């Protein structure tokens, strides 16, 4: 059953941008409902991944150098994925 949701203009613009990117990836028109569902799924996955990350790397809590290295690797991989997506 459809429901009306109120959002401010800035949020609406961000949702439109996300839906447009999603459309480009899927190669078809995307509804706001699909865009919001994708964002929710992404957020759920991020939370789950974060929990797993903490369990895997929690022993590195005080190791700043190791954390910097992991962050650098993540940035590099993110850039590579973005380049491939284009």
PDB file of N, CA and C in Angstrom:
ATOM      1  N   UNK A   1       0.843  -1.175   0.000  1.00  0.00           N
ATOM      2  CA  UNK A   1       0.000   0.000   0.000  1.00  0.00           C
ATOM      3  C   UNK A   1       0.889   1.239   0.000  1.00  0.00           C
ATOM      4  N   UNK A   2       0.735   2.133  -0.963  1.00  0.00           N
ATOM      5  CA  UNK A   2       1.563   3.340  -1.034  1.00  0.00           C
ATOM      6  C   UNK A   2       1.369   4.244   0.187  1.00  0.00           C
ATOM      7  N   UNK A   3       2.462   4.894   0.576  1.00  0.00           N
ATOM      8  CA  UNK A   3       2.452   5.806   1.706  1.00  0.00           C
ATOM      9  C   UNK A   3       3.146   7.094   1.296  1.00  0.00           C
ATOM     10  N   UNK A   4       2.651   8.214   1.781  1.00  0.00           N
ATOM     11  CA  UNK A   4       3.286   9.502   1.520  1.00  0.00           C
ATOM     12  C   UNK A   4       4.344   9.759   2.584  1.00  0.00           C
ATOM     13  N   UNK A   5       5.524  10.162   2.129  1.00  0.00           N
ATOM     14  CA  UNK A   5       6.631  10.467   3.034  1.00  0.00           C
ATOM     15  C   UNK A   5       7.091  11.881   2.731  1.00  0.00           C
ATOM     16  N   UNK A   6       7.283  12.679   3.759  1.00  0.00           N
ATOM     17  CA  UNK A   6       7.755  14.051   3.564  1.00  0.00           C
ATOM     18  C   UNK A   6       9.260  14.108   3.750  1.00  0.00           C
ATOM     19  N   UNK A   7       9.942  14.706   2.769  1.00  0.00           N
ATOM     20  CA  UNK A   7      11.388  14.907   2.845  1.00  0.00           C
ATOM     21  C   UNK A   7      11.689  16.327   2.395  1.00  0.00           C
ATOM     22  N   UNK A   8      12.807  16.861   2.855  1.00  0.00           N
ATOM     23  CA  UNK A   8      13.145  18.222   2.429  1.00  0.00           C
ATOM     24  C   UNK A   8      13.751  18.191   1.022  1.00  0.00           C
ATOM     25  N   UNK A   9      13.895  19.356   0.434  1.00  0.00           N
ATOM     26  CA  UNK A   9      14.353  19.477  -0.955  1.00  0.00           C
ATOM     27  C   UNK A   9      15.754  18.898  -1.149  1.00  0.00           C
ATOM     28  N   UNK A  10      16.630  19.113  -0.188  1.00  0.00           N
ATOM     29  CA  UNK A  10      18.011  18.607  -0.287  1.00  0.00           C
ATOM     30  C   UNK A  10      18.023  17.076  -0.324  1.00  0.00           C
ATOM     31  N   UNK A  11      17.202  16.449   0.507  1.00  0.00           N
ATOM     32  CA  UNK A  11      17.106  14.989   0.525  1.00  0.00           C
ATOM     33  C   UNK A  11      16.509  14.477  -0.775  1.00  0.00           C
ATOM     34  N   UNK A  12      15.509  15.182  -1.284  1.00  0.00           N
ATOM     35  CA  UNK A  12      14.882  14.791  -2.546  1.00  0.00           C
ATOM     36  C   UNK A  12      15.895  14.828  -3.683  1.00  0.00           C
ATOM     37  N   UNK A  13      16.712  15.865  -3.727  1.00  0.00           N
ATOM     38  CA  UNK A  13      17.734  15.978  -4.767  1.00  0.00           C
ATOM     39  C   UNK A  13      18.750  14.835  -4.654  1.00  0.00           C
ATOM     40  N   UNK A  14      19.150  14.510  -3.420  1.00  0.00           N
ATOM     41  CA  UNK A  14      20.097  13.406  -3.212  1.00  0.00           C
ATOM     42  C   UNK A  14      19.476  12.083  -3.658  1.00  0.00           C
ATOM     43  N   UNK A  15      18.207  11.879  -3.360  1.00  0.00           N
ATOM     44  CA  UNK A  15      17.516  10.654  -3.768  1.00  0.00           C
ATOM     45  C   UNK A  15      17.408  10.584  -5.289  1.00  0.00           C
ATOM     46  N   UNK A  16      17.134  11.702  -5.924  1.00  0.00           N
ATOM     47  CA  UNK A  16      17.076  11.740  -7.391  1.00  0.00           C
ATOM     48  C   UNK A  16      18.428  11.371  -8.006  1.00  0.00           C
ATOM     49  N   UNK A  17      19.517  11.916  -7.429  1.00  0.00           N
ATOM     50  CA  UNK A  17      20.860  11.588  -7.927  1.00  0.00           C
ATOM     51  C   UNK A  17      21.140  10.094  -7.769  1.00  0.00           C
ATOM     52  N   UNK A  18      20.801   9.550  -6.604  1.00  0.00           N
ATOM     53  CA  UNK A  18      21.032   8.123  -6.364  1.00  0.00           C
ATOM     54  C   UNK A  18      20.204   7.274  -7.329  1.00  0.00           C
ATOM     55  N   UNK A  19      18.939   7.628  -7.509  1.00  0.00           N
ATOM     56  CA  UNK A  19      18.074   6.877  -8.419  1.00  0.00           C
ATOM     57  C   UNK A  19      18.619   6.928  -9.843  1.00  0.00           C
ATOM     58  N   UNK A  20      19.168   8.072 -10.229  1.00  0.00           N
ATOM     59  CA  UNK A  20      19.747   8.210 -11.561  1.00  0.00           C
ATOM     60  C   UNK A  20      20.960   7.292 -11.730  1.00  0.00           C
ATOM     61  N   UNK A  21      21.823   7.245 -10.716  1.00  0.00           N
ATOM     62  CA  UNK A  21      22.986   6.346 -10.774  1.00  0.00           C
ATOM     63  C   UNK A  21      22.531   4.890 -10.837  1.00  0.00           C
ATOM     64  N   UNK A  22      21.529   4.557 -10.053  1.00  0.00           N
ATOM     65  CA  UNK A  22      20.996   3.197 -10.031  1.00  0.00           C
ATOM     66  C   UNK A  22      20.409   2.846 -11.395  1.00  0.00           C
ATOM     67  N   UNK A  23      19.717   3.790 -12.002  1.00  0.00           N
ATOM     68  CA  UNK A  23      19.171   3.594 -13.342  1.00  0.00           C
ATOM     69  C   UNK A  23      20.268   3.280 -14.333  1.00  0.00           C
ATOM     70  N   UNK A  24      21.374   4.016 -14.228  1.00  0.00           N
ATOM     71  CA  UNK A  24      22.501   3.780 -15.125  1.00  0.00           C
ATOM     72  C   UNK A  24      23.081   2.387 -14.960  1.00  0.00           C
ATOM     73  N   UNK A  25      23.162   1.918 -13.722  1.00  0.00           N
ATOM     74  CA  UNK A  25      23.704   0.582 -13.458  1.00  0.00           C
ATOM     75  C   UNK A  25      22.753  -0.515 -13.934  1.00  0.00           C
ATOM     76  N   UNK A  26      21.454  -0.308 -13.748  1.00  0.00           N
ATOM     77  CA  UNK A  26      20.478  -1.342 -14.086  1.00  0.00           C
ATOM     78  C   UNK A  26      20.028  -1.276 -15.537  1.00  0.00           C
ATOM     79  N   UNK A  27      20.197  -0.118 -16.157  1.00  0.00           N
ATOM     80  CA  UNK A  27      19.792   0.041 -17.548  1.00  0.00           C
ATOM     81  C   UNK A  27      18.292   0.103 -17.744  1.00  0.00           C
ATOM     82  N   UNK A  28      17.583   0.533 -16.699  1.00  0.00           N
ATOM     83  CA  UNK A  28      16.131   0.668 -16.795  1.00  0.00           C
ATOM     84  C   UNK A  28      15.670   1.744 -15.826  1.00  0.00           C
ATOM     85  N   UNK A  29      14.432   2.176 -15.987  1.00  0.00           N
ATOM     86  CA  UNK A  29      13.849   3.184 -15.109  1.00  0.00           C
ATOM     87  C   UNK A  29      13.741   2.645 -13.684  1.00  0.00           C
ATOM     88  N   UNK A  30      13.985   3.506 -12.697  1.00  0.00           N
ATOM     89  CA  UNK A  30      13.954   3.106 -11.289  1.00  0.00           C
ATOM     90  C   UNK A  30      12.974   4.003 -10.538  1.00  0.00           C
ATOM     91  N   UNK A  31      12.131   3.401  -9.724  1.00  0.00           N
ATOM     92  CA  UNK A  31      11.186   4.172  -8.926  1.00  0.00           C
ATOM     93  C   UNK A  31      11.857   4.656  -7.640  1.00  0.00           C
ATOM     94  N   UNK A  32      11.243   5.644  -6.986  1.00  0.00           N
ATOM     95  CA  UNK A  32      11.759   6.096  -5.690  1.00  0.00           C
ATOM     96  C   UNK A  32      11.742   4.934  -4.686  1.00  0.00           C
ATOM     97  N   UNK A  33      10.713   4.112  -4.764  1.00  0.00           N
ATOM     98  CA  UNK A  33      10.614   2.963  -3.859  1.00  0.00           C
ATOM     99  C   UNK A  33      11.818   2.045  -4.027  1.00  0.00           C
ATOM    100  N   UNK A  34      12.192   1.754  -5.274  1.00  0.00           N
ATOM    101  CA  UNK A  34      13.346   0.897  -5.530  1.00  0.00           C
ATOM    102  C   UNK A  34      14.638   1.550  -5.048  1.00  0.00           C
ATOM    103  N   UNK A  35      14.756   2.861  -5.263  1.00  0.00           N
ATOM    104  CA  UNK A  35      15.954   3.575  -4.826  1.00  0.00           C
ATOM    105  C   UNK A  35      16.080   3.547  -3.302  1.00  0.00           C
ATOM    106  N   UNK A  36      14.979   3.786  -2.612  1.00  0.00           N
ATOM    107  CA  UNK A  36      15.002   3.762  -1.145  1.00  0.00           C
ATOM    108  C   UNK A  36      15.306   2.351  -0.650  1.00  0.00           C
ATOM    109  N   UNK A  37      14.697   1.341  -1.277  1.00  0.00           N
ATOM    110  CA  UNK A  37      14.954  -0.054  -0.890  1.00  0.00           C
ATOM    111  C   UNK A  37      16.429  -0.400  -1.080  1.00  0.00           C
ATOM    112  N   UNK A  38      17.034   0.082  -2.173  1.00  0.00           N
ATOM    113  CA  UNK A  38      18.453  -0.175  -2.417  1.00  0.00           C
ATOM    114  C   UNK A  38      19.318   0.501  -1.352  1.00  0.00           C
ATOM    115  N   UNK A  39      18.951   1.721  -0.971  1.00  0.00           N
ATOM    116  CA  UNK A  39      19.700   2.418   0.082  1.00  0.00           C
ATOM    117  C   UNK A  39      19.590   1.695   1.421  1.00  0.00           C
ATOM    118  N   UNK A  40      18.399   1.198   1.729  1.00  0.00           N
ATOM    119  CA  UNK A  40      18.199   0.462   2.982  1.00  0.00           C
ATOM    120  C   UNK A  40      19.034  -0.818   2.969  1.00  0.00           C
ATOM    121  N   UNK A  41      19.006  -1.538   1.853  1.00  0.00           N
ATOM    122  CA  UNK A  41      19.782  -2.773   1.740  1.00  0.00           C
ATOM    123  C   UNK A  41      21.275  -2.484   1.863  1.00  0.00           C
ATOM    124  N   UNK A  42      21.712  -1.389   1.244  1.00  0.00           N
ATOM    125  CA  UNK A  42      23.121  -0.992   1.322  1.00  0.00           C
ATOM    126  C   UNK A  42      23.503  -0.659   2.753  1.00  0.00           C
ATOM    127  N   UNK A  43      22.642   0.065   3.451  1.00  0.00           N
ATOM    128  CA  UNK A  43      22.910   0.430   4.844  1.00  0.00           C
ATOM    129  C   UNK A  43      22.958  -0.809   5.731  1.00  0.00           C
ATOM    130  N   UNK A  44      22.036  -1.754   5.509  1.00  0.00           N
ATOM    131  CA  UNK A  44      22.039  -2.999   6.274  1.00  0.00           C
ATOM    132  C   UNK A  44      23.328  -3.765   6.033  1.00  0.00           C
ATOM    133  N   UNK A  45      23.743  -3.834   4.777  1.00  0.00           N
ATOM    134  CA  UNK A  45      24.981  -4.532   4.439  1.00  0.00           C
ATOM    135  C   UNK A  45      26.188  -3.865   5.061  1.00  0.00           C
ATOM    136  N   UNK A  46      26.180  -2.517   5.099  1.00  0.00           N
ATOM    137  CA  UNK A  46      27.293  -1.777   5.692  1.00  0.00           C
ATOM    138  C   UNK A  46      27.384  -2.042   7.183  1.00  0.00           C
ATOM    139  N   UNK A  47      26.235  -2.074   7.850  1.00  0.00           N
ATOM    140  CA  UNK A  47      26.228  -2.329   9.291  1.00  0.00           C
ATOM    141  C   UNK A  47      26.731  -3.737   9.573  1.00  0.00           C
ATOM    142  N   UNK A  48      26.266  -4.692   8.775  1.00  0.00           N
ATOM    143  CA  UNK A  48      26.695  -6.080   8.957  1.00  0.00           C
ATOM    144  C   UNK A  48      28.189  -6.214   8.674  1.00  0.00           C
ATOM    145  N   UNK A  49      28.647  -5.571   7.607  1.00  0.00           N
ATOM    146  CA  UNK A  49      30.066  -5.627   7.276  1.00  0.00           C
ATOM    147  C   UNK A  49      30.898  -4.982   8.382  1.00  0.00           C
ATOM    148  N   UNK A  50      30.398  -3.882   8.928  1.00  0.00           N
ATOM    149  CA  UNK A  50      31.115  -3.215  10.019  1.00  0.00           C
ATOM    150  C   UNK A  50      31.254  -4.094  11.243  1.00  0.00           C
ATOM    151  N   UNK A  51      30.175  -4.814  11.566  1.00  0.00           N
ATOM    152  CA  UNK A  51      30.222  -5.726  12.714  1.00  0.00           C
ATOM    153  C   UNK A  51      31.238  -6.839  12.475  1.00  0.00           C
ATOM    154  N   UNK A  52      31.239  -7.393  11.264  1.00  0.00           N
ATOM    155  CA  UNK A  52      32.197  -8.455  10.937  1.00  0.00           C
ATOM    156  C   UNK A  52      33.627  -7.916  10.965  1.00  0.00           C
ATOM    157  N   UNK A  53      33.797  -6.685  10.475  1.00  0.00           N
ATOM    158  CA  UNK A  53      35.115  -6.070  10.447  1.00  0.00           C
ATOM    159  C   UNK A  53      35.665  -5.934  11.867  1.00  0.00           C
ATOM    160  N   UNK A  54      34.833  -5.472  12.778  1.00  0.00           N
ATOM    161  CA  UNK A  54      35.264  -5.300  14.166  1.00  0.00           C
ATOM    162  C   UNK A  54      35.680  -6.642  14.762  1.00  0.00           C
ATOM    163  N   UNK A  55      34.924  -7.698  14.474  1.00  0.00           N
ATOM    164  CA  UNK A  55      35.300  -9.000  15.030  1.00  0.00           C
ATOM    165  C   UNK A  55      36.596  -9.505  14.430  1.00  0.00           C
ATOM    166  N   UNK A  56      36.821  -9.205  13.146  1.00  0.00           N
ATOM    167  CA  UNK A  56      38.048  -9.672  12.501  1.00  0.00           C
ATOM    168  C   UNK A  56      39.274  -8.855  12.900  1.00  0.00           C
ATOM    169  N   UNK A  57      39.091  -7.550  13.016  1.00  0.00           N
ATOM    170  CA  UNK A  57      40.235  -6.671  13.224  1.00  0.00           C
ATOM    171  C   UNK A  57      40.223  -5.957  14.570  1.00  0.00           C
ATOM    172  N   UNK A  58      39.362  -6.376  15.466  1.00  0.00           N
ATOM    173  CA  UNK A  58      39.274  -5.744  16.779  1.00  0.00           C
ATOM    174  C   UNK A  58      40.572  -5.802  17.564  1.00  0.00           C
ATOM    175  N   UNK A  59      41.385  -6.819  17.310  1.00  0.00           N
ATOM    176  CA  UNK A  59      42.652  -6.951  18.019  1.00  0.00           C
ATOM    177  C   UNK A  59      43.651  -5.881  17.602  1.00  0.00           C
ATOM    178  N   UNK A  60      43.351  -5.143  16.521  1.00  0.00           N
ATOM    179  CA  UNK A  60      44.254  -4.083  16.047  1.00  0.00           C
ATOM    180  C   UNK A  60      43.866  -2.721  16.613  1.00  0.00           C
ATOM    181  N   UNK A  61      43.073  -2.699  17.654  1.00  0.00           N
ATOM    182  CA  UNK A  61      42.515  -1.464  18.197  1.00  0.00           C
ATOM    183  C   UNK A  61      43.547  -0.349  18.368  1.00  0.00           C
ATOM    184  N   UNK A  62      44.685  -0.623  18.930  1.00  0.00           N
ATOM    185  CA  UNK A  62      45.677   0.412  19.189  1.00  0.00           C
ATOM    186  C   UNK A  62      46.727   0.576  18.111  1.00  0.00           C
ATOM    187  N   UNK A  63      46.618  -0.150  17.019  1.00  0.00           N
ATOM    188  CA  UNK A  63      47.631  -0.140  15.958  1.00  0.00           C
ATOM    189  C   UNK A  63      47.295   0.897  14.886  1.00  0.00           C
ATOM    190  N   UNK A  64      47.679   2.147  15.129  1.00  0.00           N
ATOM    191  CA  UNK A  64      47.333   3.233  14.190  1.00  0.00           C
ATOM    192  C   UNK A  64      47.923   3.022  12.800  1.00  0.00           C
ATOM    193  N   UNK A  65      49.126   2.561  12.729  1.00  0.00           N
ATOM    194  CA  UNK A  65      49.767   2.345  11.426  1.00  0.00           C
ATOM    195  C   UNK A  65      49.018   1.322  10.591  1.00  0.00           C
ATOM    196  N   UNK A  66      48.599   0.255  11.233  1.00  0.00           N
ATOM    197  CA  UNK A  66      47.852  -0.793  10.524  1.00  0.00           C
ATOM    198  C   UNK A  66      46.517  -0.256  10.030  1.00  0.00           C
ATOM    199  N   UNK A  67      45.846   0.547  10.863  1.00  0.00           N
ATOM    200  CA  UNK A  67      44.570   1.133  10.457  1.00  0.00           C
ATOM    201  C   UNK A  67      44.760   2.082   9.285  1.00  0.00           C
ATOM    202  N   UNK A  68      45.827   2.864   9.316  1.00  0.00           N
ATOM    203  CA  UNK A  68      46.089   3.786   8.186  1.00  0.00           C
ATOM    204  C   UNK A  68      46.293   2.990   6.897  1.00  0.00           C
ATOM    205  N   UNK A  69      47.037   1.884   7.004  1.00  0.00           N
ATOM    206  CA  UNK A  69      47.277   1.045   5.836  1.00  0.00           C
ATOM    207  C   UNK A  69      45.968   0.445   5.304  1.00  0.00           C
ATOM    208  N   UNK A  70      45.110  -0.032   6.190  1.00  0.00           N
ATOM    209  CA  UNK A  70      43.817  -0.568   5.758  1.00  0.00           C
ATOM    210  C   UNK A  70      42.958   0.505   5.092  1.00  0.00           C
ATOM    211  N   UNK A  71      42.972   1.705   5.646  1.00  0.00           N
ATOM    212  CA  UNK A  71      42.202   2.807   5.056  1.00  0.00           C
ATOM    213  C   UNK A  71      42.730   3.156   3.670  1.00  0.00           C
ATOM    214  N   UNK A  72      44.045   3.166   3.511  1.00  0.00           N
ATOM    215  CA  UNK A  72      44.647   3.463   2.213  1.00  0.00           C
ATOM    216  C   UNK A  72      44.267   2.384   1.192  1.00  0.00           C
ATOM    217  N   UNK A  73      44.301   1.136   1.607  1.00  0.00           N
ATOM    218  CA  UNK A  73      43.896   0.043   0.718  1.00  0.00           C
ATOM    219  C   UNK A  73      42.435   0.187   0.310  1.00  0.00           C
ATOM    220  N   UNK A  74      41.583   0.518   1.273  1.00  0.00           N
ATOM    221  CA  UNK A  74      40.163   0.683   0.986  1.00  0.00           C
ATOM    222  C   UNK A  74      39.930   1.814  -0.019  1.00  0.00           C
ATOM    223  N   UNK A  75      40.620   2.933   0.187  1.00  0.00           N
ATOM    224  CA  UNK A  75      40.474   4.055  -0.751  1.00  0.00           C
ATOM    225  C   UNK A  75      40.918   3.651  -2.150  1.00  0.00           C
ATOM    226  N   UNK A  76      42.029   2.920  -2.235  1.00  0.00           N
ATOM    227  CA  UNK A  76      42.529   2.473  -3.527  1.00  0.00           C
ATOM    228  C   UNK A  76      41.557   1.537  -4.222  1.00  0.00           C
ATOM    229  N   UNK A  77      40.985   0.613  -3.466  1.00  0.00           N
ATOM    230  CA  UNK A  77      40.021  -0.318  -4.046  1.00  0.00           C
ATOM    231  C   UNK A  77      38.746   0.397  -4.468  1.00  0.00           C
ATOM    232  N   UNK A  78      38.312   1.364  -3.668  1.00  0.00           N
ATOM    233  CA  UNK A  78      37.110   2.121  -4.016  1.00  0.00           C
ATOM    234  C   UNK A  78      37.332   2.892  -5.319  1.00  0.00           C
ATOM    235  N   UNK A  79      38.501   3.504  -5.458  1.00  0.00           N
ATOM    236  CA  UNK A  79      38.820   4.241  -6.689  1.00  0.00           C
ATOM    237  C   UNK A  79      38.849   3.309  -7.890  1.00  0.00           C
ATOM    238  N   UNK A  80      39.429   2.121  -7.710  1.00  0.00           N
ATOM    239  CA  UNK A  80      39.496   1.159  -8.806  1.00  0.00           C
ATOM    240  C   UNK A  80      38.103   0.717  -9.231  1.00  0.00           C
ATOM    241  N   UNK A  81      37.233   0.468  -8.269  1.00  0.00           N
ATOM    242  CA  UNK A  81      35.855   0.066  -8.567  1.00  0.00           C
ATOM    243  C   UNK A  81      35.119   1.177  -9.291  1.00  0.00           C
ATOM    244  N   UNK A  82      35.302   2.424  -8.842  1.00  0.00           N
ATOM    245  CA  UNK A  82      34.640   3.554  -9.496  1.00  0.00           C
ATOM    246  C   UNK A  82      35.115   3.712 -10.928  1.00  0.00           C
ATOM    247  N   UNK A  83      36.417   3.518 -11.164  1.00  0.00           N
ATOM    248  CA  UNK A  83      36.952   3.618 -12.533  1.00  0.00           C
ATOM    249  C   UNK A  83      36.344   2.532 -13.414  1.00  0.00           C
ATOM    250  N   UNK A  84      36.234   1.313 -12.893  1.00  0.00           N
ATOM    251  CA  UNK A  84      35.670   0.211 -13.659  1.00  0.00           C
ATOM    252  C   UNK A  84      34.193   0.431 -13.944  1.00  0.00           C
ATOM    253  N   UNK A  85      33.487   1.077 -13.019  1.00  0.00           N
ATOM    254  CA  UNK A  85      32.054   1.321 -13.179  1.00  0.00           C
ATOM    255  C   UNK A  85      31.769   2.316 -14.288  1.00  0.00           C
ATOM    256  N   UNK A  86      32.732   3.177 -14.574  1.00  0.00           N
ATOM    257  CA  UNK A  86      32.526   4.185 -15.630  1.00  0.00           C
ATOM    258  C   UNK A  86      32.630   3.541 -16.939  1.00  0.00           C
TER     259      UNK A  86
END
